[in-house]
Amino acid sequence: MEISLTWSPGHPPVGGTVTFIGTASDNDGAVREARICYGDGICEGDSIALSSLQLLNACVFGDNWGPRSWQHRYTRAGTFQVKLTVTSRGCPIVPDETRTYTASITVG
């Protein structure tokens, strides 16, 4: 599974809105859950409901998720470790997989 996370602005001011964009792809399963933690104690997530047909298609063709965007405001200056964690459901012979992408963002 591959995950990417970008944000803008690149060097946000304290109190300014930061937009995060996440994507994921899995060549042998379906993306089922994504959770972002901003490094300041706040996290949020999404569960993705898929039909049996969508799961079967993901087992055969893989799955692409996103882009998904989140917005966040930091209330203090500093460097924060942002984490995007994605879980995919494996196919009958492939186990579920969880991966985390971590990046540092400097605010202030």
PDB file of N, CA and C in Angstrom:
ATOM      1  N   MET A   1       0.849  -1.165   0.000  1.00  0.00           N
ATOM      2  CA  MET A   1       0.000   0.000   0.000  1.00  0.00           C
ATOM      3  C   MET A   1       0.897   1.231   0.000  1.00  0.00           C
ATOM      4  N   GLU A   2       0.483   2.235  -0.751  1.00  0.00           N
ATOM      5  CA  GLU A   2       1.209   3.496  -0.786  1.00  0.00           C
ATOM      6  C   GLU A   2       0.293   4.617  -0.297  1.00  0.00           C
ATOM      7  N   ILE A   3       0.877   5.535   0.483  1.00  0.00           N
ATOM      8  CA  ILE A   3       0.130   6.652   1.059  1.00  0.00           C
ATOM      9  C   ILE A   3       0.887   7.936   0.748  1.00  0.00           C
ATOM     10  N   SER A   4       0.138   8.992   0.484  1.00  0.00           N
ATOM     11  CA  SER A   4       0.776  10.308   0.369  1.00  0.00           C
ATOM     12  C   SER A   4      -0.055  11.334   1.130  1.00  0.00           C
ATOM     13  N   LEU A   5       0.629  12.356   1.607  1.00  0.00           N
ATOM     14  CA  LEU A   5      -0.016  13.436   2.343  1.00  0.00           C
ATOM     15  C   LEU A   5       0.712  14.729   2.000  1.00  0.00           C
ATOM     16  N   THR A   6      -0.046  15.728   1.580  1.00  0.00           N
ATOM     17  CA  THR A   6       0.497  17.058   1.319  1.00  0.00           C
ATOM     18  C   THR A   6      -0.348  18.064   2.079  1.00  0.00           C
ATOM     19  N   TRP A   7       0.157  19.302   2.197  1.00  0.00           N
ATOM     20  CA  TRP A   7      -0.615  20.348   2.856  1.00  0.00           C
ATOM     21  C   TRP A   7      -0.245  21.700   2.282  1.00  0.00           C
ATOM     22  N   SER A   8      -1.160  22.620   2.480  1.00  0.00           N
ATOM     23  CA  SER A   8      -0.890  24.013   2.100  1.00  0.00           C
ATOM     24  C   SER A   8      -1.634  24.918   3.075  1.00  0.00           C
ATOM     25  N   PRO A   9      -1.034  26.059   3.387  1.00  0.00           N
ATOM     26  CA  PRO A   9       0.259  26.523   2.903  1.00  0.00           C
ATOM     27  C   PRO A   9       1.395  25.698   3.504  1.00  0.00           C
ATOM     28  N   GLY A  10       2.557  25.768   2.857  1.00  0.00           N
ATOM     29  CA  GLY A  10       3.714  24.982   3.285  1.00  0.00           C
ATOM     30  C   GLY A  10       4.220  25.338   4.666  1.00  0.00           C
ATOM     31  N   HIS A  11       4.166  26.627   5.039  1.00  0.00           N
ATOM     32  CA  HIS A  11       4.586  27.106   6.356  1.00  0.00           C
ATOM     33  C   HIS A  11       3.447  27.939   6.937  1.00  0.00           C
ATOM     34  N   PRO A  12       2.454  27.284   7.528  1.00  0.00           N
ATOM     35  CA  PRO A  12       1.259  27.999   7.985  1.00  0.00           C
ATOM     36  C   PRO A  12       1.517  28.870   9.215  1.00  0.00           C
ATOM     37  N   PRO A  13       0.779  29.969   9.316  1.00  0.00           N
ATOM     38  CA  PRO A  13       0.865  30.790  10.517  1.00  0.00           C
ATOM     39  C   PRO A  13       0.001  30.206  11.627  1.00  0.00           C
ATOM     40  N   VAL A  14       0.281  30.583  12.855  1.00  0.00           N
ATOM     41  CA  VAL A  14      -0.562  30.185  13.986  1.00  0.00           C
ATOM     42  C   VAL A  14      -1.973  30.713  13.736  1.00  0.00           C
ATOM     43  N   GLY A  15      -2.973  29.857  13.896  1.00  0.00           N
ATOM     44  CA  GLY A  15      -4.365  30.244  13.708  1.00  0.00           C
ATOM     45  C   GLY A  15      -4.840  30.196  12.274  1.00  0.00           C
ATOM     46  N   GLY A  16      -3.936  30.014  11.340  1.00  0.00           N
ATOM     47  CA  GLY A  16      -4.327  29.932   9.929  1.00  0.00           C
ATOM     48  C   GLY A  16      -4.843  28.548   9.584  1.00  0.00           C
ATOM     49  N   THR A  17      -5.671  28.472   8.568  1.00  0.00           N
ATOM     50  CA  THR A  17      -6.221  27.195   8.131  1.00  0.00           C
ATOM     51  C   THR A  17      -5.198  26.453   7.276  1.00  0.00           C
ATOM     52  N   VAL A  18      -4.963  25.202   7.630  1.00  0.00           N
ATOM     53  CA  VAL A  18      -4.089  24.329   6.864  1.00  0.00           C
ATOM     54  C   VAL A  18      -4.978  23.280   6.207  1.00  0.00           C
ATOM     55  N   THR A  19      -4.809  23.084   4.909  1.00  0.00           N
ATOM     56  CA  THR A  19      -5.546  22.056   4.189  1.00  0.00           C
ATOM     57  C   THR A  19      -4.609  20.887   3.909  1.00  0.00           C
ATOM     58  N   PHE A  20      -4.983  19.712   4.406  1.00  0.00           N
ATOM     59  CA  PHE A  20      -4.228  18.478   4.190  1.00  0.00           C
ATOM     60  C   PHE A  20      -4.944  17.660   3.119  1.00  0.00           C
ATOM     61  N   ILE A  21      -4.172  17.078   2.210  1.00  0.00           N
ATOM     62  CA  ILE A  21      -4.722  16.217   1.158  1.00  0.00           C
ATOM     63  C   ILE A  21      -4.039  14.859   1.260  1.00  0.00           C
ATOM     64  N   GLY A  22      -4.844  13.805   1.427  1.00  0.00           N
ATOM     65  CA  GLY A  22      -4.305  12.455   1.529  1.00  0.00           C
ATOM     66  C   GLY A  22      -4.827  11.557   0.428  1.00  0.00           C
ATOM     67  N   THR A  23      -3.971  10.642  -0.023  1.00  0.00           N
ATOM     68  CA  THR A  23      -4.357   9.625  -0.991  1.00  0.00           C
ATOM     69  C   THR A  23      -3.714   8.302  -0.577  1.00  0.00           C
ATOM     70  N   ALA A  24      -4.287   7.216  -1.070  1.00  0.00           N
ATOM     71  CA  ALA A  24      -3.717   5.889  -0.822  1.00  0.00           C
ATOM     72  C   ALA A  24      -4.082   4.978  -1.983  1.00  0.00           C
ATOM     73  N   SER A  25      -3.239   3.995  -2.204  1.00  0.00           N
ATOM     74  CA  SER A  25      -3.541   2.971  -3.204  1.00  0.00           C
ATOM     75  C   SER A  25      -3.078   1.622  -2.662  1.00  0.00           C
ATOM     76  N   ASP A  26      -3.812   0.600  -3.029  1.00  0.00           N
ATOM     77  CA  ASP A  26      -3.499  -0.756  -2.588  1.00  0.00           C
ATOM     78  C   ASP A  26      -3.755  -1.686  -3.769  1.00  0.00           C
ATOM     79  N   ASN A  27      -2.765  -2.453  -4.155  1.00  0.00           N
ATOM     80  CA  ASN A  27      -2.953  -3.307  -5.326  1.00  0.00           C
ATOM     81  C   ASN A  27      -3.579  -4.662  -5.008  1.00  0.00           C
ATOM     82  N   ASP A  28      -3.851  -4.966  -3.737  1.00  0.00           N
ATOM     83  CA  ASP A  28      -4.457  -6.255  -3.402  1.00  0.00           C
ATOM     84  C   ASP A  28      -5.445  -6.148  -2.245  1.00  0.00           C
ATOM     85  N   GLY A  29      -6.202  -5.076  -2.225  1.00  0.00           N
ATOM     86  CA  GLY A  29      -7.207  -4.909  -1.177  1.00  0.00           C
ATOM     87  C   GLY A  29      -7.937  -3.599  -1.338  1.00  0.00           C
ATOM     88  N   ALA A  30      -8.854  -3.324  -0.434  1.00  0.00           N
ATOM     89  CA  ALA A  30      -9.683  -2.131  -0.491  1.00  0.00           C
ATOM     90  C   ALA A  30      -9.422  -1.250   0.728  1.00  0.00           C
ATOM     91  N   VAL A  31      -9.217   0.022   0.491  1.00  0.00           N
ATOM     92  CA  VAL A  31      -9.006   0.967   1.584  1.00  0.00           C
ATOM     93  C   VAL A  31     -10.312   1.082   2.361  1.00  0.00           C
ATOM     94  N   ARG A  32     -10.238   0.841   3.677  1.00  0.00           N
ATOM     95  CA  ARG A  32     -11.444   0.808   4.509  1.00  0.00           C
ATOM     96  C   ARG A  32     -11.504   1.905   5.552  1.00  0.00           C
ATOM     97  N   GLU A  33     -10.338   2.431   5.945  1.00  0.00           N
ATOM     98  CA  GLU A  33     -10.336   3.412   7.021  1.00  0.00           C
ATOM     99  C   GLU A  33      -9.128   4.318   6.878  1.00  0.00           C
ATOM    100  N   ALA A  34      -9.335   5.591   7.173  1.00  0.00           N
ATOM    101  CA  ALA A  34      -8.235   6.554   7.166  1.00  0.00           C
ATOM    102  C   ALA A  34      -8.385   7.444   8.392  1.00  0.00           C
ATOM    103  N   ARG A  35      -7.266   7.736   9.043  1.00  0.00           N
ATOM    104  CA  ARG A  35      -7.267   8.562  10.250  1.00  0.00           C
ATOM    105  C   ARG A  35      -6.067   9.501  10.182  1.00  0.00           C
ATOM    106  N   ILE A  36      -6.326  10.792  10.426  1.00  0.00           N
ATOM    107  CA  ILE A  36      -5.252  11.770  10.448  1.00  0.00           C
ATOM    108  C   ILE A  36      -5.133  12.334  11.855  1.00  0.00           C
ATOM    109  N   CYS A  37      -3.909  12.412  12.338  1.00  0.00           N
ATOM    110  CA  CYS A  37      -3.601  13.035  13.626  1.00  0.00           C
ATOM    111  C   CYS A  37      -2.648  14.188  13.337  1.00  0.00           C
ATOM    112  N   TYR A  38      -2.995  15.358  13.829  1.00  0.00           N
ATOM    113  CA  TYR A  38      -2.290  16.579  13.466  1.00  0.00           C
ATOM    114  C   TYR A  38      -1.049  16.856  14.313  1.00  0.00           C
ATOM    115  N   GLY A  39      -0.804  16.046  15.333  1.00  0.00           N
ATOM    116  CA  GLY A  39       0.384  16.219  16.154  1.00  0.00           C
ATOM    117  C   GLY A  39       0.185  17.139  17.341  1.00  0.00           C
ATOM    118  N   ASP A  40      -1.017  17.698  17.455  1.00  0.00           N
ATOM    119  CA  ASP A  40      -1.318  18.582  18.585  1.00  0.00           C
ATOM    120  C   ASP A  40      -2.402  17.998  19.482  1.00  0.00           C
ATOM    121  N   GLY A  41      -2.605  16.674  19.390  1.00  0.00           N
ATOM    122  CA  GLY A  41      -3.587  16.003  20.224  1.00  0.00           C
ATOM    123  C   GLY A  41      -4.948  15.831  19.565  1.00  0.00           C
ATOM    124  N   ILE A  42      -5.127  16.347  18.371  1.00  0.00           N
ATOM    125  CA  ILE A  42      -6.410  16.239  17.674  1.00  0.00           C
ATOM    126  C   ILE A  42      -6.270  15.270  16.509  1.00  0.00           C
ATOM    127  N   CYS A  43      -7.244  14.350  16.428  1.00  0.00           N
ATOM    128  CA  CYS A  43      -7.287  13.368  15.342  1.00  0.00           C
ATOM    129  C   CYS A  43      -8.707  13.303  14.806  1.00  0.00           C
ATOM    130  N   GLU A  44      -8.840  12.873  13.576  1.00  0.00           N
ATOM    131  CA  GLU A  44     -10.154  12.597  13.004  1.00  0.00           C
ATOM    132  C   GLU A  44      -9.994  11.516  11.955  1.00  0.00           C
ATOM    133  N   GLY A  45     -11.088  10.826  11.657  1.00  0.00           N
ATOM    134  CA  GLY A  45     -10.976   9.719  10.721  1.00  0.00           C
ATOM    135  C   GLY A  45     -12.237   9.467   9.937  1.00  0.00           C
ATOM    136  N   ASP A  46     -12.087   8.598   8.950  1.00  0.00           N
ATOM    137  CA  ASP A  46     -13.180   8.199   8.070  1.00  0.00           C
ATOM    138  C   ASP A  46     -13.201   6.692   7.961  1.00  0.00           C
ATOM    139  N   SER A  47     -14.388   6.111   7.986  1.00  0.00           N
ATOM    140  CA  SER A  47     -14.566   4.711   7.634  1.00  0.00           C
ATOM    141  C   SER A  47     -15.218   4.683   6.269  1.00  0.00           C
ATOM    142  N   ILE A  48     -14.756   3.815   5.410  1.00  0.00           N
ATOM    143  CA  ILE A  48     -15.262   3.740   4.057  1.00  0.00           C
ATOM    144  C   ILE A  48     -16.057   2.456   3.928  1.00  0.00           C
ATOM    145  N   ALA A  49     -17.356   2.581   3.698  1.00  0.00           N
ATOM    146  CA  ALA A  49     -18.221   1.415   3.545  1.00  0.00           C
ATOM    147  C   ALA A  49     -18.172   0.957   2.091  1.00  0.00           C
ATOM    148  N   LEU A  50     -17.896  -0.331   1.890  1.00  0.00           N
ATOM    149  CA  LEU A  50     -17.811  -0.888   0.545  1.00  0.00           C
ATOM    150  C   LEU A  50     -18.749  -2.078   0.412  1.00  0.00           C
ATOM    151  N   SER A  51     -19.349  -2.209  -0.749  1.00  0.00           N
ATOM    152  CA  SER A  51     -20.206  -3.364  -1.013  1.00  0.00           C
ATOM    153  C   SER A  51     -19.332  -4.590  -1.299  1.00  0.00           C
ATOM    154  N   SER A  52     -19.948  -5.760  -1.319  1.00  0.00           N
ATOM    155  CA  SER A  52     -19.218  -6.993  -1.636  1.00  0.00           C
ATOM    156  C   SER A  52     -18.618  -6.927  -3.032  1.00  0.00           C
ATOM    157  N   LEU A  53     -19.328  -6.326  -3.968  1.00  0.00           N
ATOM    158  CA  LEU A  53     -18.817  -6.196  -5.333  1.00  0.00           C
ATOM    159  C   LEU A  53     -17.603  -5.274  -5.380  1.00  0.00           C
ATOM    160  N   GLN A  54     -17.653  -4.176  -4.636  1.00  0.00           N
ATOM    161  CA  GLN A  54     -16.501  -3.274  -4.586  1.00  0.00           C
ATOM    162  C   GLN A  54     -15.282  -3.969  -3.986  1.00  0.00           C
ATOM    163  N   LEU A  55     -15.494  -4.763  -2.932  1.00  0.00           N
ATOM    164  CA  LEU A  55     -14.386  -5.513  -2.331  1.00  0.00           C
ATOM    165  C   LEU A  55     -13.795  -6.514  -3.315  1.00  0.00           C
ATOM    166  N   LEU A  56     -14.662  -7.220  -4.036  1.00  0.00           N
ATOM    167  CA  LEU A  56     -14.194  -8.181  -5.025  1.00  0.00           C
ATOM    168  C   LEU A  56     -13.393  -7.481  -6.122  1.00  0.00           C
ATOM    169  N   ASN A  57     -13.900  -6.361  -6.633  1.00  0.00           N
ATOM    170  CA  ASN A  57     -13.178  -5.601  -7.652  1.00  0.00           C
ATOM    171  C   ASN A  57     -11.819  -5.145  -7.140  1.00  0.00           C
ATOM    172  N   ALA A  58     -11.758  -4.720  -5.875  1.00  0.00           N
ATOM    173  CA  ALA A  58     -10.489  -4.272  -5.289  1.00  0.00           C
ATOM    174  C   ALA A  58      -9.493  -5.425  -5.201  1.00  0.00           C
ATOM    175  N   CYS A  59      -9.984  -6.640  -4.936  1.00  0.00           N
ATOM    176  CA  CYS A  59      -9.095  -7.797  -4.881  1.00  0.00           C
ATOM    177  C   CYS A  59      -8.494  -8.084  -6.255  1.00  0.00           C
ATOM    178  N   VAL A  60      -9.263  -7.843  -7.307  1.00  0.00           N
ATOM    179  CA  VAL A  60      -8.803  -8.131  -8.661  1.00  0.00           C
ATOM    180  C   VAL A  60      -7.989  -6.977  -9.239  1.00  0.00           C
ATOM    181  N   PHE A  61      -8.500  -5.742  -9.063  1.00  0.00           N
ATOM    182  CA  PHE A  61      -7.904  -4.586  -9.740  1.00  0.00           C
ATOM    183  C   PHE A  61      -7.147  -3.638  -8.820  1.00  0.00           C
ATOM    184  N   GLY A  62      -7.253  -3.821  -7.508  1.00  0.00           N
ATOM    185  CA  GLY A  62      -6.659  -2.878  -6.561  1.00  0.00           C
ATOM    186  C   GLY A  62      -7.632  -1.755  -6.263  1.00  0.00           C
ATOM    187  N   ASP A  63      -7.204  -0.819  -5.429  1.00  0.00           N
ATOM    188  CA  ASP A  63      -8.092   0.253  -4.985  1.00  0.00           C
ATOM    189  C   ASP A  63      -7.296   1.541  -4.841  1.00  0.00           C
ATOM    190  N   ASN A  64      -7.898   2.626  -5.261  1.00  0.00           N
ATOM    191  CA  ASN A  64      -7.334   3.960  -5.049  1.00  0.00           C
ATOM    192  C   ASN A  64      -8.313   4.743  -4.191  1.00  0.00           C
ATOM    193  N   TRP A  65      -7.799   5.414  -3.194  1.00  0.00           N
ATOM    194  CA  TRP A  65      -8.635   6.189  -2.272  1.00  0.00           C
ATOM    195  C   TRP A  65      -8.161   7.633  -2.288  1.00  0.00           C
ATOM    196  N   GLY A  66      -9.117   8.540  -2.291  1.00  0.00           N
ATOM    197  CA  GLY A  66      -8.793   9.954  -2.243  1.00  0.00           C
ATOM    198  C   GLY A  66      -8.792  10.559  -3.626  1.00  0.00           C
ATOM    199  N   PRO A  67      -8.414  11.768  -3.759  1.00  0.00           N
ATOM    200  CA  PRO A  67      -7.879  12.566  -2.657  1.00  0.00           C
ATOM    201  C   PRO A  67      -8.969  12.951  -1.661  1.00  0.00           C
ATOM    202  N   ARG A  68      -8.596  12.933  -0.419  1.00  0.00           N
ATOM    203  CA  ARG A  68      -9.467  13.330   0.695  1.00  0.00           C
ATOM    204  C   ARG A  68      -8.812  14.517   1.361  1.00  0.00           C
ATOM    205  N   SER A  69      -9.601  15.538   1.674  1.00  0.00           N
ATOM    206  CA  SER A  69      -9.011  16.721   2.317  1.00  0.00           C
ATOM    207  C   SER A  69      -9.575  16.933   3.713  1.00  0.00           C
ATOM    208  N   TRP A  70      -8.718  17.465   4.571  1.00  0.00           N
ATOM    209  CA  TRP A  70      -9.079  17.853   5.923  1.00  0.00           C
ATOM    210  C   TRP A  70      -8.540  19.256   6.145  1.00  0.00           C
ATOM    211  N   GLN A  71      -9.216  20.018   6.993  1.00  0.00           N
ATOM    212  CA  GLN A  71      -8.713  21.339   7.359  1.00  0.00           C
ATOM    213  C   GLN A  71      -8.502  21.388   8.862  1.00  0.00           C
ATOM    214  N   HIS A  72      -7.435  22.099   9.249  1.00  0.00           N
ATOM    215  CA  HIS A  72      -7.076  22.171  10.662  1.00  0.00           C
ATOM    216  C   HIS A  72      -6.423  23.513  10.946  1.00  0.00           C
ATOM    217  N   ARG A  73      -6.590  23.995  12.164  1.00  0.00           N
ATOM    218  CA  ARG A  73      -5.925  25.221  12.626  1.00  0.00           C
ATOM    219  C   ARG A  73      -5.082  24.887  13.849  1.00  0.00           C
ATOM    220  N   TYR A  74      -3.823  25.294  13.813  1.00  0.00           N
ATOM    221  CA  TYR A  74      -2.936  25.119  14.954  1.00  0.00           C
ATOM    222  C   TYR A  74      -3.015  26.365  15.828  1.00  0.00           C
ATOM    223  N   THR A  75      -3.105  26.160  17.139  1.00  0.00           N
ATOM    224  CA  THR A  75      -3.274  27.280  18.076  1.00  0.00           C
ATOM    225  C   THR A  75      -1.966  27.764  18.671  1.00  0.00           C
ATOM    226  N   ARG A  76      -0.868  27.088  18.335  1.00  0.00           N
ATOM    227  CA  ARG A  76       0.438  27.522  18.842  1.00  0.00           C
ATOM    228  C   ARG A  76       1.515  27.213  17.801  1.00  0.00           C
ATOM    229  N   ALA A  77       2.627  27.914  17.925  1.00  0.00           N
ATOM    230  CA  ALA A  77       3.749  27.703  17.013  1.00  0.00           C
ATOM    231  C   ALA A  77       4.510  26.444  17.418  1.00  0.00           C
ATOM    232  N   GLY A  78       5.193  25.850  16.468  1.00  0.00           N
ATOM    233  CA  GLY A  78       6.026  24.693  16.749  1.00  0.00           C
ATOM    234  C   GLY A  78       6.096  23.765  15.566  1.00  0.00           C
ATOM    235  N   THR A  79       6.786  22.659  15.755  1.00  0.00           N
ATOM    236  CA  THR A  79       6.877  21.620  14.740  1.00  0.00           C
ATOM    237  C   THR A  79       6.052  20.440  15.225  1.00  0.00           C
ATOM    238  N   PHE A  80       5.164  19.962  14.382  1.00  0.00           N
ATOM    239  CA  PHE A  80       4.217  18.908  14.743  1.00  0.00           C
ATOM    240  C   PHE A  80       4.391  17.711  13.811  1.00  0.00           C
ATOM    241  N   GLN A  81       4.229  16.515  14.370  1.00  0.00           N
ATOM    242  CA  GLN A  81       4.298  15.277  13.593  1.00  0.00           C
ATOM    243  C   GLN A  81       2.882  14.897  13.164  1.00  0.00           C
ATOM    244  N   VAL A  82       2.594  15.084  11.892  1.00  0.00           N
ATOM    245  CA  VAL A  82       1.295  14.736  11.333  1.00  0.00           C
ATOM    246  C   VAL A  82       1.355  13.290  10.863  1.00  0.00           C
ATOM    247  N   LYS A  83       0.315  12.514  11.200  1.00  0.00           N
ATOM    248  CA  LYS A  83       0.279  11.101  10.818  1.00  0.00           C
ATOM    249  C   LYS A  83      -1.027  10.784  10.105  1.00  0.00           C
ATOM    250  N   LEU A  84      -0.906  10.200   8.925  1.00  0.00           N
ATOM    251  CA  LEU A  84      -2.054   9.677   8.200  1.00  0.00           C
ATOM    252  C   LEU A  84      -1.940   8.158   8.227  1.00  0.00           C
ATOM    253  N   THR A  85      -2.913   7.502   8.862  1.00  0.00           N
ATOM    254  CA  THR A  85      -2.923   6.050   8.979  1.00  0.00           C
ATOM    255  C   THR A  85      -4.072   5.503   8.134  1.00  0.00           C
ATOM    256  N   VAL A  86      -3.749   4.561   7.261  1.00  0.00           N
ATOM    257  CA  VAL A  86      -4.730   3.974   6.351  1.00  0.00           C
ATOM    258  C   VAL A  86      -4.744   2.471   6.561  1.00  0.00           C
ATOM    259  N   THR A  87      -5.951   1.909   6.623  1.00  0.00           N
ATOM    260  CA  THR A  87      -6.122   0.465   6.754  1.00  0.00           C
ATOM    261  C   THR A  87      -6.858  -0.057   5.536  1.00  0.00           C
ATOM    262  N   SER A  88      -6.333  -1.136   4.969  1.00  0.00           N
ATOM    263  CA  SER A  88      -7.019  -1.763   3.842  1.00  0.00           C
ATOM    264  C   SER A  88      -7.444  -3.166   4.241  1.00  0.00           C
ATOM    265  N   ARG A  89      -8.521  -3.595   3.637  1.00  0.00           N
ATOM    266  CA  ARG A  89      -8.999  -4.955   3.867  1.00  0.00           C
ATOM    267  C   ARG A  89      -8.422  -5.833   2.783  1.00  0.00           C
ATOM    268  N   GLY A  90      -7.764  -6.863   3.211  1.00  0.00           N
ATOM    269  CA  GLY A  90      -7.155  -7.780   2.265  1.00  0.00           C
ATOM    270  C   GLY A  90      -8.176  -8.685   1.599  1.00  0.00           C
ATOM    271  N   CYS A  91      -7.734  -9.376   0.609  1.00  0.00           N
ATOM    272  CA  CYS A  91      -8.560 -10.344  -0.099  1.00  0.00           C
ATOM    273  C   CYS A  91      -8.451 -11.686   0.616  1.00  0.00           C
ATOM    274  N   PRO A  92      -9.151 -12.707   0.150  1.00  0.00           N
ATOM    275  CA  PRO A  92      -9.177 -13.974   0.891  1.00  0.00           C
ATOM    276  C   PRO A  92      -7.820 -14.514   1.324  1.00  0.00           C
ATOM    277  N   ILE A  93      -6.786 -14.357   0.508  1.00  0.00           N
ATOM    278  CA  ILE A  93      -5.481 -14.903   0.900  1.00  0.00           C
ATOM    279  C   ILE A  93      -4.501 -13.806   1.317  1.00  0.00           C
ATOM    280  N   VAL A  94      -4.985 -12.565   1.417  1.00  0.00           N
ATOM    281  CA  VAL A  94      -4.131 -11.432   1.766  1.00  0.00           C
ATOM    282  C   VAL A  94      -4.639 -10.834   3.071  1.00  0.00           C
ATOM    283  N   PRO A  95      -3.776 -10.673   4.083  1.00  0.00           N
ATOM    284  CA  PRO A  95      -4.237 -10.115   5.356  1.00  0.00           C
ATOM    285  C   PRO A  95      -4.526  -8.613   5.248  1.00  0.00           C
ATOM    286  N   ASP A  96      -5.317  -8.130   6.202  1.00  0.00           N
ATOM    287  CA  ASP A  96      -5.540  -6.687   6.302  1.00  0.00           C
ATOM    288  C   ASP A  96      -4.194  -6.010   6.521  1.00  0.00           C
ATOM    289  N   GLU A  97      -4.102  -4.758   6.092  1.00  0.00           N
ATOM    290  CA  GLU A  97      -2.836  -4.042   6.187  1.00  0.00           C
ATOM    291  C   GLU A  97      -3.090  -2.626   6.701  1.00  0.00           C
ATOM    292  N   THR A  98      -2.228  -2.168   7.602  1.00  0.00           N
ATOM    293  CA  THR A  98      -2.290  -0.797   8.105  1.00  0.00           C
ATOM    294  C   THR A  98      -0.928  -0.157   7.897  1.00  0.00           C
ATOM    295  N   ARG A  99      -0.948   1.028   7.315  1.00  0.00           N
ATOM    296  CA  ARG A  99       0.291   1.780   7.112  1.00  0.00           C
ATOM    297  C   ARG A  99       0.092   3.214   7.595  1.00  0.00           C
ATOM    298  N   THR A 100       1.190   3.806   8.058  1.00  0.00           N
ATOM    299  CA  THR A 100       1.149   5.181   8.544  1.00  0.00           C
ATOM    300  C   THR A 100       2.208   6.005   7.819  1.00  0.00           C
ATOM    301  N   TYR A 101       1.791   7.155   7.357  1.00  0.00           N
ATOM    302  CA  TYR A 101       2.691   8.128   6.740  1.00  0.00           C
ATOM    303  C   TYR A 101       2.874   9.249   7.764  1.00  0.00           C
ATOM    304  N   THR A 102       4.116   9.586   8.092  1.00  0.00           N
ATOM    305  CA  THR A 102       4.409  10.613   9.078  1.00  0.00           C
ATOM    306  C   THR A 102       5.237  11.726   8.441  1.00  0.00           C
ATOM    307  N   ALA A 103       4.863  12.953   8.741  1.00  0.00           N
ATOM    308  CA  ALA A 103       5.605  14.119   8.226  1.00  0.00           C
ATOM    309  C   ALA A 103       5.617  15.205   9.289  1.00  0.00           C
ATOM    310  N   SER A 104       6.616  16.061   9.221  1.00  0.00           N
ATOM    311  CA  SER A 104       6.723  17.203  10.154  1.00  0.00           C
ATOM    312  C   SER A 104       6.201  18.459   9.491  1.00  0.00           C
ATOM    313  N   ILE A 105       5.406  19.217  10.232  1.00  0.00           N
ATOM    314  CA  ILE A 105       4.909  20.499   9.750  1.00  0.00           C
ATOM    315  C   ILE A 105       5.327  21.556  10.775  1.00  0.00           C
ATOM    316  N   THR A 106       5.872  22.657  10.286  1.00  0.00           N
ATOM    317  CA  THR A 106       6.287  23.740  11.170  1.00  0.00           C
ATOM    318  C   THR A 106       5.282  24.880  11.055  1.00  0.00           C
ATOM    319  N   VAL A 107       4.766  25.285  12.190  1.00  0.00           N
ATOM    320  CA  VAL A 107       3.738  26.325  12.262  1.00  0.00           C
ATOM    321  C   VAL A 107       4.329  27.521  12.994  1.00  0.00           C
ATOM    322  N   GLY A 108       4.037  28.715  12.460  1.00  0.00           N
ATOM    323  CA  GLY A 108       4.482  29.902  13.184  1.00  0.00           C
ATOM    324  C   GLY A 108       5.205  30.909  12.401  1.00  0.00           C
TER     325      GLY A 108
END
